[in-house]
């Protein structure tokens, strides 16, 4: 298992590769599938990202099968279900890095800024509104939303225990416009 700092560097290098190439090739050969079936998973990072179809963490970080433990929910908000998944990956798989990955032009953030939706999406936009307050700038709202999710994760007693053992929680924003990731928290 690698350290949190090594994992961040690996993600940064992967994003540089993603931005500089036109195609992405993933090894999903029978040998690779058999390897993971027999040996389980050892992801080097936990990514909590938005469900947006334009935001694919494995591609953004040029990661292979088994590299990332990815949790996706609209607006990258955190509730008990996400915390349970995070605690599983950190505690049982030994992953040392948690990244909350927001992005620009996020539909959930836009809905929180400009609308008051009905239905279940209101649970998501209400959480985002708490995080962003009166902010109307897309990028700054995304950063504030990421920071709120980082705070929620860090408030978990299990995560606090793991942080004492080398776990790190960071925030990042993916720019839809150019493919770059900025680690911001």
N, C-alpha and C. Protein backbone atom coordinates (compact mmCIF):
# COMPACT_ATOMS: atom_id res chain seq x y z
N UNK A 1 0.85 -1.18 0.00
CA UNK A 1 0.00 0.00 0.00
C UNK A 1 0.90 1.24 0.00
N UNK A 2 0.49 2.25 -0.74
CA UNK A 2 1.28 3.46 -0.84
C UNK A 2 0.74 4.52 0.12
N UNK A 3 1.56 5.52 0.41
CA UNK A 3 1.14 6.59 1.31
C UNK A 3 0.17 7.54 0.62
N UNK A 4 -0.46 8.39 1.40
CA UNK A 4 -1.39 9.39 0.86
C UNK A 4 -0.65 10.34 -0.09
N UNK A 5 0.54 10.76 0.30
CA UNK A 5 1.30 11.68 -0.54
C UNK A 5 1.68 11.05 -1.87
N UNK A 6 2.09 9.76 -1.84
CA UNK A 6 2.41 9.05 -3.07
C UNK A 6 1.17 8.90 -3.96
N UNK A 7 0.02 8.68 -3.32
CA UNK A 7 -1.23 8.55 -4.07
C UNK A 7 -1.60 9.86 -4.75
N UNK A 8 -1.43 10.99 -4.05
CA UNK A 8 -1.72 12.30 -4.66
C UNK A 8 -0.83 12.51 -5.88
N UNK A 9 0.45 12.21 -5.75
CA UNK A 9 1.36 12.37 -6.88
C UNK A 9 0.96 11.47 -8.05
N UNK A 10 0.53 10.27 -7.76
CA UNK A 10 0.09 9.35 -8.81
C UNK A 10 -1.14 9.91 -9.52
N UNK A 11 -2.08 10.47 -8.76
CA UNK A 11 -3.27 11.08 -9.35
C UNK A 11 -2.89 12.28 -10.23
N UNK A 12 -1.99 13.11 -9.74
CA UNK A 12 -1.57 14.29 -10.51
C UNK A 12 -0.91 13.87 -11.82
N UNK A 13 -0.03 12.89 -11.77
CA UNK A 13 0.63 12.41 -12.99
C UNK A 13 -0.39 11.79 -13.94
N UNK A 14 -1.33 11.05 -13.39
CA UNK A 14 -2.38 10.46 -14.21
C UNK A 14 -3.21 11.52 -14.91
N UNK A 15 -3.53 12.61 -14.19
CA UNK A 15 -4.30 13.69 -14.80
C UNK A 15 -3.50 14.37 -15.90
N UNK A 16 -2.19 14.53 -15.70
CA UNK A 16 -1.34 15.10 -16.75
C UNK A 16 -1.38 14.22 -18.00
N UNK A 17 -1.35 12.90 -17.82
CA UNK A 17 -1.44 11.98 -18.96
C UNK A 17 -2.79 12.12 -19.64
N UNK A 18 -3.85 12.19 -18.85
CA UNK A 18 -5.21 12.30 -19.38
C UNK A 18 -5.35 13.54 -20.26
N UNK A 19 -4.81 14.65 -19.81
CA UNK A 19 -4.93 15.91 -20.54
C UNK A 19 -4.08 15.89 -21.82
N UNK A 20 -3.02 15.11 -21.82
CA UNK A 20 -2.09 15.16 -22.95
C UNK A 20 -2.32 14.09 -24.02
N UNK A 21 -3.23 13.15 -23.80
CA UNK A 21 -3.47 12.11 -24.80
C UNK A 21 -4.89 12.19 -25.34
N UNK A 22 -5.09 11.61 -26.52
CA UNK A 22 -6.41 11.63 -27.14
C UNK A 22 -7.23 10.38 -26.87
N UNK A 23 -6.58 9.30 -26.46
CA UNK A 23 -7.31 8.05 -26.24
C UNK A 23 -6.94 7.47 -24.88
N UNK A 24 -7.76 6.55 -24.42
CA UNK A 24 -7.54 5.87 -23.15
C UNK A 24 -7.72 4.38 -23.39
N UNK A 25 -6.75 3.60 -23.01
CA UNK A 25 -6.82 2.15 -23.16
C UNK A 25 -6.79 1.53 -21.78
N UNK A 26 -7.74 0.65 -21.51
CA UNK A 26 -7.80 -0.03 -20.22
C UNK A 26 -7.64 -1.52 -20.43
N UNK A 27 -6.86 -2.14 -19.57
CA UNK A 27 -6.65 -3.58 -19.64
C UNK A 27 -7.81 -4.27 -18.93
N UNK A 28 -8.69 -4.86 -19.71
CA UNK A 28 -9.79 -5.64 -19.15
C UNK A 28 -9.72 -7.07 -19.71
N UNK A 29 -8.50 -7.52 -19.91
CA UNK A 29 -8.25 -8.85 -20.45
C UNK A 29 -8.72 -9.92 -19.46
N UNK A 30 -8.95 -11.13 -19.96
CA UNK A 30 -9.33 -12.22 -19.05
C UNK A 30 -8.32 -12.43 -17.92
N UNK A 31 -7.03 -12.26 -18.21
CA UNK A 31 -6.02 -12.42 -17.16
C UNK A 31 -6.17 -11.36 -16.06
N UNK A 32 -6.46 -10.13 -16.46
CA UNK A 32 -6.66 -9.06 -15.49
C UNK A 32 -7.90 -9.33 -14.65
N UNK A 33 -8.98 -9.71 -15.31
CA UNK A 33 -10.21 -10.01 -14.58
C UNK A 33 -10.00 -11.16 -13.60
N UNK A 34 -9.30 -12.19 -14.04
CA UNK A 34 -9.02 -13.33 -13.17
C UNK A 34 -8.15 -12.91 -11.98
N UNK A 35 -7.15 -12.06 -12.24
CA UNK A 35 -6.28 -11.58 -11.16
C UNK A 35 -7.10 -10.91 -10.06
N UNK A 36 -8.00 -10.00 -10.43
CA UNK A 36 -8.80 -9.30 -9.42
C UNK A 36 -9.82 -10.22 -8.76
N UNK A 37 -10.33 -11.19 -9.50
CA UNK A 37 -11.26 -12.14 -8.90
C UNK A 37 -10.56 -12.97 -7.82
N UNK A 38 -9.33 -13.36 -8.07
CA UNK A 38 -8.57 -14.18 -7.12
C UNK A 38 -7.97 -13.37 -5.98
N UNK A 39 -7.48 -12.17 -6.29
CA UNK A 39 -6.68 -11.42 -5.33
C UNK A 39 -7.40 -10.26 -4.66
N UNK A 40 -8.61 -9.95 -5.08
CA UNK A 40 -9.33 -8.82 -4.49
C UNK A 40 -8.81 -7.50 -5.01
N UNK A 41 -9.14 -6.45 -4.28
CA UNK A 41 -8.78 -5.10 -4.72
C UNK A 41 -7.86 -4.42 -3.71
N UNK A 42 -6.99 -3.57 -4.23
CA UNK A 42 -6.09 -2.75 -3.40
C UNK A 42 -6.02 -1.35 -3.99
N UNK A 43 -7.12 -0.61 -3.97
CA UNK A 43 -7.10 0.74 -4.56
C UNK A 43 -6.17 1.67 -3.78
N UNK A 44 -5.48 2.54 -4.51
CA UNK A 44 -4.58 3.48 -3.85
C UNK A 44 -5.27 4.78 -3.46
N UNK A 45 -6.49 5.01 -3.95
CA UNK A 45 -7.24 6.22 -3.60
C UNK A 45 -8.73 5.94 -3.60
N UNK A 46 -9.42 6.64 -2.71
CA UNK A 46 -10.88 6.64 -2.67
C UNK A 46 -11.31 7.96 -3.29
N UNK A 47 -12.15 7.90 -4.31
CA UNK A 47 -12.62 9.11 -4.97
C UNK A 47 -14.12 9.23 -4.75
N UNK A 48 -14.55 10.33 -4.15
CA UNK A 48 -15.97 10.63 -4.03
C UNK A 48 -16.25 11.70 -5.05
N UNK A 49 -16.95 11.33 -6.10
CA UNK A 49 -17.19 12.26 -7.20
C UNK A 49 -18.65 12.37 -7.54
N UNK A 50 -18.93 13.26 -8.44
CA UNK A 50 -20.29 13.51 -8.92
C UNK A 50 -20.69 12.42 -9.90
N UNK A 51 -21.98 12.18 -10.01
CA UNK A 51 -22.51 11.19 -10.96
C UNK A 51 -22.49 11.68 -12.40
N UNK A 52 -22.14 12.93 -12.63
CA UNK A 52 -22.13 13.53 -13.97
C UNK A 52 -21.39 12.62 -14.95
N UNK A 53 -22.02 12.34 -16.08
CA UNK A 53 -21.44 11.42 -17.06
C UNK A 53 -20.16 11.94 -17.71
N UNK A 54 -19.87 13.22 -17.55
CA UNK A 54 -18.63 13.80 -18.11
C UNK A 54 -17.46 13.68 -17.15
N UNK A 55 -17.72 13.21 -15.93
CA UNK A 55 -16.69 13.14 -14.89
C UNK A 55 -16.45 11.67 -14.56
N UNK A 56 -15.43 11.09 -15.18
CA UNK A 56 -15.12 9.67 -15.02
C UNK A 56 -13.74 9.57 -14.34
N UNK A 57 -13.73 9.37 -13.02
CA UNK A 57 -12.45 9.40 -12.30
C UNK A 57 -11.37 8.50 -12.87
N UNK A 58 -11.73 7.29 -13.27
CA UNK A 58 -10.71 6.39 -13.81
C UNK A 58 -10.04 6.96 -15.05
N UNK A 59 -10.77 7.69 -15.84
CA UNK A 59 -10.18 8.32 -17.03
C UNK A 59 -9.42 9.58 -16.64
N UNK A 60 -10.05 10.42 -15.82
CA UNK A 60 -9.45 11.69 -15.43
C UNK A 60 -8.07 11.50 -14.82
N UNK A 61 -7.91 10.40 -14.07
CA UNK A 61 -6.63 10.12 -13.41
C UNK A 61 -5.84 9.03 -14.12
N UNK A 62 -6.28 8.67 -15.34
CA UNK A 62 -5.58 7.67 -16.15
C UNK A 62 -5.29 6.43 -15.31
N UNK A 63 -6.32 5.96 -14.61
CA UNK A 63 -6.17 4.85 -13.68
C UNK A 63 -6.66 3.55 -14.30
N UNK A 64 -6.08 2.47 -13.84
CA UNK A 64 -6.44 1.14 -14.32
C UNK A 64 -7.46 0.50 -13.39
N UNK A 65 -7.99 -0.62 -13.81
CA UNK A 65 -8.89 -1.39 -12.97
C UNK A 65 -8.19 -1.69 -11.64
N UNK A 66 -8.91 -1.50 -10.57
CA UNK A 66 -8.36 -1.79 -9.25
C UNK A 66 -7.62 -0.64 -8.60
N UNK A 67 -7.36 0.45 -9.33
CA UNK A 67 -6.60 1.57 -8.78
C UNK A 67 -7.43 2.47 -7.87
N UNK A 68 -8.70 2.69 -8.23
CA UNK A 68 -9.52 3.66 -7.50
C UNK A 68 -10.76 2.99 -6.93
N UNK A 69 -11.11 3.37 -5.72
CA UNK A 69 -12.38 2.98 -5.11
C UNK A 69 -13.29 4.19 -5.30
N UNK A 70 -14.18 4.10 -6.26
CA UNK A 70 -14.96 5.26 -6.69
C UNK A 70 -16.38 5.21 -6.15
N UNK A 71 -16.79 6.32 -5.53
CA UNK A 71 -18.14 6.50 -5.01
C UNK A 71 -18.70 7.71 -5.73
N UNK A 72 -19.85 7.53 -6.40
CA UNK A 72 -20.39 8.65 -7.17
C UNK A 72 -21.81 8.95 -6.72
N UNK A 73 -22.07 10.24 -6.52
CA UNK A 73 -23.39 10.73 -6.16
C UNK A 73 -23.51 12.16 -6.68
N UNK A 74 -24.67 12.51 -7.17
CA UNK A 74 -24.86 13.86 -7.72
C UNK A 74 -24.41 14.90 -6.71
N UNK A 75 -23.61 15.85 -7.18
CA UNK A 75 -23.13 16.93 -6.34
C UNK A 75 -22.06 16.54 -5.34
N UNK A 76 -21.54 15.32 -5.46
CA UNK A 76 -20.53 14.78 -4.54
C UNK A 76 -20.82 15.12 -3.08
N UNK A 77 -22.12 15.00 -2.70
CA UNK A 77 -22.51 15.23 -1.31
C UNK A 77 -22.26 13.97 -0.50
N UNK A 78 -22.17 14.13 0.80
CA UNK A 78 -21.85 13.02 1.69
C UNK A 78 -23.00 12.78 2.65
N UNK A 79 -23.41 11.51 2.74
CA UNK A 79 -24.35 11.12 3.78
C UNK A 79 -23.84 9.82 4.40
N UNK A 80 -24.66 9.18 5.20
CA UNK A 80 -24.21 7.97 5.90
C UNK A 80 -23.81 6.85 4.95
N UNK A 81 -24.46 6.74 3.80
CA UNK A 81 -24.12 5.68 2.86
C UNK A 81 -22.71 5.89 2.30
N UNK A 82 -22.40 7.11 1.91
CA UNK A 82 -21.06 7.39 1.40
C UNK A 82 -20.02 7.20 2.51
N UNK A 83 -20.33 7.67 3.72
CA UNK A 83 -19.39 7.49 4.84
C UNK A 83 -19.12 6.01 5.09
N UNK A 84 -20.15 5.19 5.02
CA UNK A 84 -19.95 3.76 5.20
C UNK A 84 -19.04 3.17 4.14
N UNK A 85 -19.22 3.58 2.90
CA UNK A 85 -18.36 3.10 1.81
C UNK A 85 -16.92 3.59 1.99
N UNK A 86 -16.77 4.83 2.41
CA UNK A 86 -15.43 5.39 2.65
C UNK A 86 -14.74 4.63 3.77
N UNK A 87 -15.46 4.42 4.87
CA UNK A 87 -14.88 3.71 6.01
C UNK A 87 -14.48 2.28 5.62
N UNK A 88 -15.28 1.63 4.77
CA UNK A 88 -14.93 0.29 4.30
C UNK A 88 -13.60 0.32 3.55
N UNK A 89 -13.48 1.23 2.58
CA UNK A 89 -12.26 1.26 1.76
C UNK A 89 -11.05 1.65 2.59
N UNK A 90 -11.21 2.59 3.50
CA UNK A 90 -10.07 3.02 4.32
C UNK A 90 -9.72 1.95 5.36
N UNK A 91 -10.74 1.43 6.03
CA UNK A 91 -10.48 0.49 7.13
C UNK A 91 -10.17 -0.92 6.69
N UNK A 92 -10.89 -1.43 5.70
CA UNK A 92 -10.74 -2.83 5.32
C UNK A 92 -9.80 -3.04 4.13
N UNK A 93 -9.69 -2.05 3.27
CA UNK A 93 -8.81 -2.19 2.11
C UNK A 93 -7.47 -1.49 2.34
N UNK A 94 -7.40 -0.64 3.37
CA UNK A 94 -6.14 0.03 3.71
C UNK A 94 -5.80 1.22 2.85
N UNK A 95 -6.76 1.75 2.11
CA UNK A 95 -6.50 2.89 1.24
C UNK A 95 -6.20 4.13 2.08
N UNK A 96 -5.15 4.87 1.73
CA UNK A 96 -4.66 5.97 2.56
C UNK A 96 -5.04 7.36 2.07
N UNK A 97 -5.76 7.46 0.94
CA UNK A 97 -6.11 8.78 0.41
C UNK A 97 -7.59 8.81 0.04
N UNK A 98 -8.26 9.85 0.52
CA UNK A 98 -9.65 10.13 0.15
C UNK A 98 -9.66 11.45 -0.59
N UNK A 99 -10.23 11.47 -1.79
CA UNK A 99 -10.34 12.69 -2.58
C UNK A 99 -11.81 12.98 -2.84
N UNK A 100 -12.28 14.14 -2.42
CA UNK A 100 -13.61 14.60 -2.82
C UNK A 100 -13.39 15.38 -4.11
N UNK A 101 -13.99 14.89 -5.20
CA UNK A 101 -13.76 15.46 -6.53
C UNK A 101 -15.02 16.16 -7.02
N UNK A 102 -15.03 17.49 -6.90
CA UNK A 102 -16.10 18.28 -7.48
C UNK A 102 -15.74 18.64 -8.91
N UNK A 103 -16.61 19.39 -9.58
CA UNK A 103 -16.28 19.79 -10.95
C UNK A 103 -17.04 21.05 -11.32
N UNK A 104 -16.51 21.73 -12.32
CA UNK A 104 -17.17 22.92 -12.84
C UNK A 104 -18.40 22.50 -13.64
N UNK A 105 -19.31 23.43 -13.80
CA UNK A 105 -20.54 23.21 -14.57
C UNK A 105 -21.36 22.02 -14.06
N UNK A 106 -21.36 21.88 -12.75
CA UNK A 106 -22.09 20.79 -12.10
C UNK A 106 -23.58 21.12 -12.07
N UNK A 107 -24.40 20.23 -12.60
CA UNK A 107 -25.83 20.46 -12.62
C UNK A 107 -26.44 20.57 -11.24
N UNK A 108 -25.95 19.78 -10.29
CA UNK A 108 -26.49 19.85 -8.93
C UNK A 108 -26.14 21.18 -8.27
N UNK A 109 -24.93 21.66 -8.47
CA UNK A 109 -24.53 22.96 -7.92
C UNK A 109 -25.34 24.07 -8.59
N UNK A 110 -25.50 24.00 -9.90
CA UNK A 110 -26.30 24.99 -10.62
C UNK A 110 -27.74 25.00 -10.11
N UNK A 111 -28.29 23.81 -9.88
CA UNK A 111 -29.66 23.73 -9.36
C UNK A 111 -29.74 24.36 -7.97
N UNK A 112 -28.72 24.16 -7.15
CA UNK A 112 -28.71 24.75 -5.81
C UNK A 112 -28.61 26.27 -5.88
N UNK A 113 -27.88 26.79 -6.84
CA UNK A 113 -27.70 28.24 -6.98
C UNK A 113 -28.95 28.90 -7.55
N UNK A 114 -29.52 28.32 -8.58
CA UNK A 114 -30.56 29.01 -9.37
C UNK A 114 -31.98 28.48 -9.22
N UNK A 115 -32.17 27.36 -8.55
CA UNK A 115 -33.50 26.74 -8.51
C UNK A 115 -33.82 26.24 -7.10
N UNK A 116 -35.06 25.89 -6.91
CA UNK A 116 -35.50 25.24 -5.68
C UNK A 116 -36.28 24.00 -6.09
N UNK A 117 -35.57 22.93 -6.44
CA UNK A 117 -36.23 21.76 -7.01
C UNK A 117 -37.11 21.02 -6.00
N UNK A 118 -38.02 20.22 -6.55
CA UNK A 118 -38.87 19.34 -5.75
C UNK A 118 -38.32 17.92 -5.82
N UNK A 119 -38.97 17.03 -5.13
CA UNK A 119 -38.60 15.63 -5.19
C UNK A 119 -37.31 15.34 -4.42
N UNK A 120 -36.74 14.20 -4.73
CA UNK A 120 -35.56 13.75 -4.00
C UNK A 120 -34.31 14.58 -4.27
N UNK A 121 -34.25 15.24 -5.43
CA UNK A 121 -33.08 16.07 -5.71
C UNK A 121 -32.95 17.19 -4.68
N UNK A 122 -34.05 17.57 -4.06
CA UNK A 122 -34.02 18.62 -3.03
C UNK A 122 -33.08 18.23 -1.88
N UNK A 123 -33.00 16.94 -1.55
CA UNK A 123 -32.07 16.50 -0.50
C UNK A 123 -30.63 16.86 -0.88
N UNK A 124 -30.32 16.72 -2.15
CA UNK A 124 -28.97 17.02 -2.64
C UNK A 124 -28.75 18.52 -2.69
N UNK A 125 -29.68 19.26 -3.29
CA UNK A 125 -29.48 20.71 -3.43
C UNK A 125 -29.51 21.41 -2.08
N UNK A 126 -30.29 20.92 -1.13
CA UNK A 126 -30.28 21.51 0.21
C UNK A 126 -28.92 21.38 0.87
N UNK A 127 -28.28 20.22 0.69
CA UNK A 127 -26.92 20.03 1.24
C UNK A 127 -25.93 20.97 0.57
N UNK A 128 -26.06 21.12 -0.74
CA UNK A 128 -25.16 22.01 -1.46
C UNK A 128 -25.39 23.45 -1.04
N UNK A 129 -26.64 23.85 -0.86
CA UNK A 129 -26.95 25.22 -0.41
C UNK A 129 -26.31 25.51 0.94
N UNK A 130 -26.33 24.55 1.84
CA UNK A 130 -25.67 24.73 3.14
C UNK A 130 -24.18 24.99 2.95
N UNK A 131 -23.60 24.30 1.99
CA UNK A 131 -22.16 24.41 1.75
C UNK A 131 -21.77 25.72 1.09
N UNK A 132 -22.59 26.21 0.15
CA UNK A 132 -22.17 27.36 -0.66
C UNK A 132 -22.75 28.69 -0.20
N UNK A 133 -23.75 28.65 0.67
CA UNK A 133 -24.35 29.91 1.11
C UNK A 133 -24.91 30.69 -0.06
N UNK A 134 -24.52 31.95 -0.17
CA UNK A 134 -25.02 32.83 -1.23
C UNK A 134 -24.11 32.88 -2.46
N UNK A 135 -23.10 32.03 -2.50
CA UNK A 135 -22.15 32.03 -3.63
C UNK A 135 -22.87 31.70 -4.94
N UNK A 136 -22.56 32.50 -5.99
CA UNK A 136 -23.17 32.26 -7.30
C UNK A 136 -22.13 31.95 -8.38
N UNK A 137 -20.86 32.10 -8.08
CA UNK A 137 -19.82 31.76 -9.05
C UNK A 137 -19.66 30.23 -9.09
N UNK A 138 -19.74 29.68 -10.28
CA UNK A 138 -19.69 28.24 -10.49
C UNK A 138 -18.47 27.59 -9.84
N UNK A 139 -17.29 28.10 -10.11
CA UNK A 139 -16.06 27.50 -9.59
C UNK A 139 -15.98 27.63 -8.07
N UNK A 140 -16.22 28.82 -7.56
CA UNK A 140 -16.14 29.02 -6.10
C UNK A 140 -17.18 28.17 -5.38
N UNK A 141 -18.38 28.03 -5.95
CA UNK A 141 -19.41 27.18 -5.36
C UNK A 141 -18.96 25.72 -5.34
N UNK A 142 -18.33 25.27 -6.42
CA UNK A 142 -17.83 23.89 -6.46
C UNK A 142 -16.79 23.66 -5.37
N UNK A 143 -15.88 24.63 -5.19
CA UNK A 143 -14.85 24.52 -4.15
C UNK A 143 -15.49 24.48 -2.76
N UNK A 144 -16.43 25.37 -2.50
CA UNK A 144 -17.11 25.38 -1.20
C UNK A 144 -17.83 24.07 -0.94
N UNK A 145 -18.46 23.53 -1.96
CA UNK A 145 -19.17 22.26 -1.82
C UNK A 145 -18.19 21.12 -1.51
N UNK A 146 -17.05 21.11 -2.18
CA UNK A 146 -16.01 20.11 -1.92
C UNK A 146 -15.53 20.25 -0.47
N UNK A 147 -15.25 21.46 -0.05
CA UNK A 147 -14.75 21.67 1.32
C UNK A 147 -15.74 21.17 2.36
N UNK A 148 -17.02 21.38 2.11
CA UNK A 148 -18.04 20.89 3.05
C UNK A 148 -18.01 19.36 3.13
N UNK A 149 -17.90 18.70 2.00
CA UNK A 149 -17.83 17.24 2.00
C UNK A 149 -16.58 16.74 2.71
N UNK A 150 -15.46 17.43 2.52
CA UNK A 150 -14.23 17.07 3.23
C UNK A 150 -14.46 17.18 4.74
N UNK A 151 -15.09 18.28 5.18
CA UNK A 151 -15.36 18.46 6.62
C UNK A 151 -16.24 17.34 7.17
N UNK A 152 -17.25 16.96 6.42
CA UNK A 152 -18.15 15.89 6.87
C UNK A 152 -17.38 14.58 7.01
N UNK A 153 -16.56 14.27 6.03
CA UNK A 153 -15.76 13.04 6.10
C UNK A 153 -14.83 13.09 7.30
N UNK A 154 -14.15 14.21 7.49
CA UNK A 154 -13.20 14.32 8.60
C UNK A 154 -13.87 14.30 9.97
N UNK A 155 -15.19 14.55 10.03
CA UNK A 155 -15.88 14.51 11.31
C UNK A 155 -16.20 13.08 11.75
N UNK A 156 -16.05 12.12 10.84
CA UNK A 156 -16.29 10.72 11.18
C UNK A 156 -15.24 10.24 12.17
N UNK A 157 -15.67 9.66 13.27
CA UNK A 157 -14.73 9.18 14.28
C UNK A 157 -13.82 8.09 13.71
N UNK A 158 -14.36 7.24 12.84
CA UNK A 158 -13.55 6.19 12.24
C UNK A 158 -12.47 6.79 11.34
N UNK A 159 -12.83 7.81 10.58
CA UNK A 159 -11.86 8.47 9.70
C UNK A 159 -10.81 9.19 10.54
N UNK A 160 -11.21 9.82 11.63
CA UNK A 160 -10.25 10.50 12.51
C UNK A 160 -9.21 9.50 13.02
N UNK A 161 -9.66 8.31 13.39
CA UNK A 161 -8.74 7.27 13.85
C UNK A 161 -7.78 6.89 12.73
N UNK A 162 -8.32 6.71 11.52
CA UNK A 162 -7.47 6.34 10.38
C UNK A 162 -6.51 7.46 10.00
N UNK A 163 -6.92 8.73 10.18
CA UNK A 163 -6.03 9.86 9.88
C UNK A 163 -4.80 9.81 10.77
N UNK A 164 -4.99 9.38 12.01
CA UNK A 164 -3.86 9.25 12.92
C UNK A 164 -2.89 8.18 12.44
N UNK A 165 -3.35 7.29 11.56
CA UNK A 165 -2.53 6.21 11.02
C UNK A 165 -2.09 6.48 9.58
N UNK A 166 -2.17 7.75 9.13
CA UNK A 166 -1.64 8.11 7.81
C UNK A 166 -2.67 8.36 6.72
N UNK A 167 -3.96 8.22 7.03
CA UNK A 167 -4.99 8.54 6.05
C UNK A 167 -5.06 10.04 5.84
N UNK A 168 -5.32 10.47 4.60
CA UNK A 168 -5.43 11.89 4.29
C UNK A 168 -6.71 12.12 3.49
N UNK A 169 -7.40 13.23 3.80
CA UNK A 169 -8.61 13.62 3.07
C UNK A 169 -8.31 14.95 2.38
N UNK A 170 -8.52 15.01 1.07
CA UNK A 170 -8.27 16.23 0.31
C UNK A 170 -9.43 16.50 -0.64
N UNK A 171 -9.52 17.73 -1.09
CA UNK A 171 -10.52 18.12 -2.07
C UNK A 171 -9.86 18.48 -3.39
N UNK A 172 -10.64 18.35 -4.46
CA UNK A 172 -10.14 18.69 -5.79
C UNK A 172 -11.33 19.09 -6.66
N UNK A 173 -11.03 19.88 -7.68
CA UNK A 173 -12.05 20.28 -8.64
C UNK A 173 -11.55 19.96 -10.04
N UNK A 174 -12.39 19.24 -10.78
CA UNK A 174 -12.12 18.89 -12.17
C UNK A 174 -12.74 19.98 -13.04
N UNK A 175 -11.94 20.53 -13.95
CA UNK A 175 -12.44 21.54 -14.87
C UNK A 175 -12.91 20.86 -16.14
N UNK A 176 -14.23 20.83 -16.31
CA UNK A 176 -14.84 20.22 -17.49
C UNK A 176 -14.27 20.83 -18.77
N UNK A 177 -13.94 22.13 -18.72
CA UNK A 177 -13.52 22.88 -19.91
C UNK A 177 -12.19 22.39 -20.49
N UNK A 178 -11.27 21.91 -19.63
CA UNK A 178 -9.96 21.54 -20.17
C UNK A 178 -9.41 20.22 -19.62
N UNK A 179 -10.14 19.56 -18.73
CA UNK A 179 -9.72 18.26 -18.23
C UNK A 179 -8.76 18.26 -17.07
N UNK A 180 -8.36 19.43 -16.58
CA UNK A 180 -7.40 19.48 -15.50
C UNK A 180 -8.07 19.35 -14.14
N UNK A 181 -7.31 18.83 -13.18
CA UNK A 181 -7.77 18.71 -11.80
C UNK A 181 -6.91 19.62 -10.93
N UNK A 182 -7.58 20.40 -10.11
CA UNK A 182 -6.88 21.29 -9.18
C UNK A 182 -7.19 20.80 -7.77
N UNK A 183 -6.16 20.41 -7.06
CA UNK A 183 -6.35 20.04 -5.65
C UNK A 183 -6.45 21.33 -4.86
N UNK A 184 -7.62 21.52 -4.20
CA UNK A 184 -7.92 22.84 -3.64
C UNK A 184 -8.12 22.86 -2.13
N UNK A 185 -8.20 21.73 -1.48
CA UNK A 185 -8.46 21.73 -0.05
C UNK A 185 -7.42 20.87 0.62
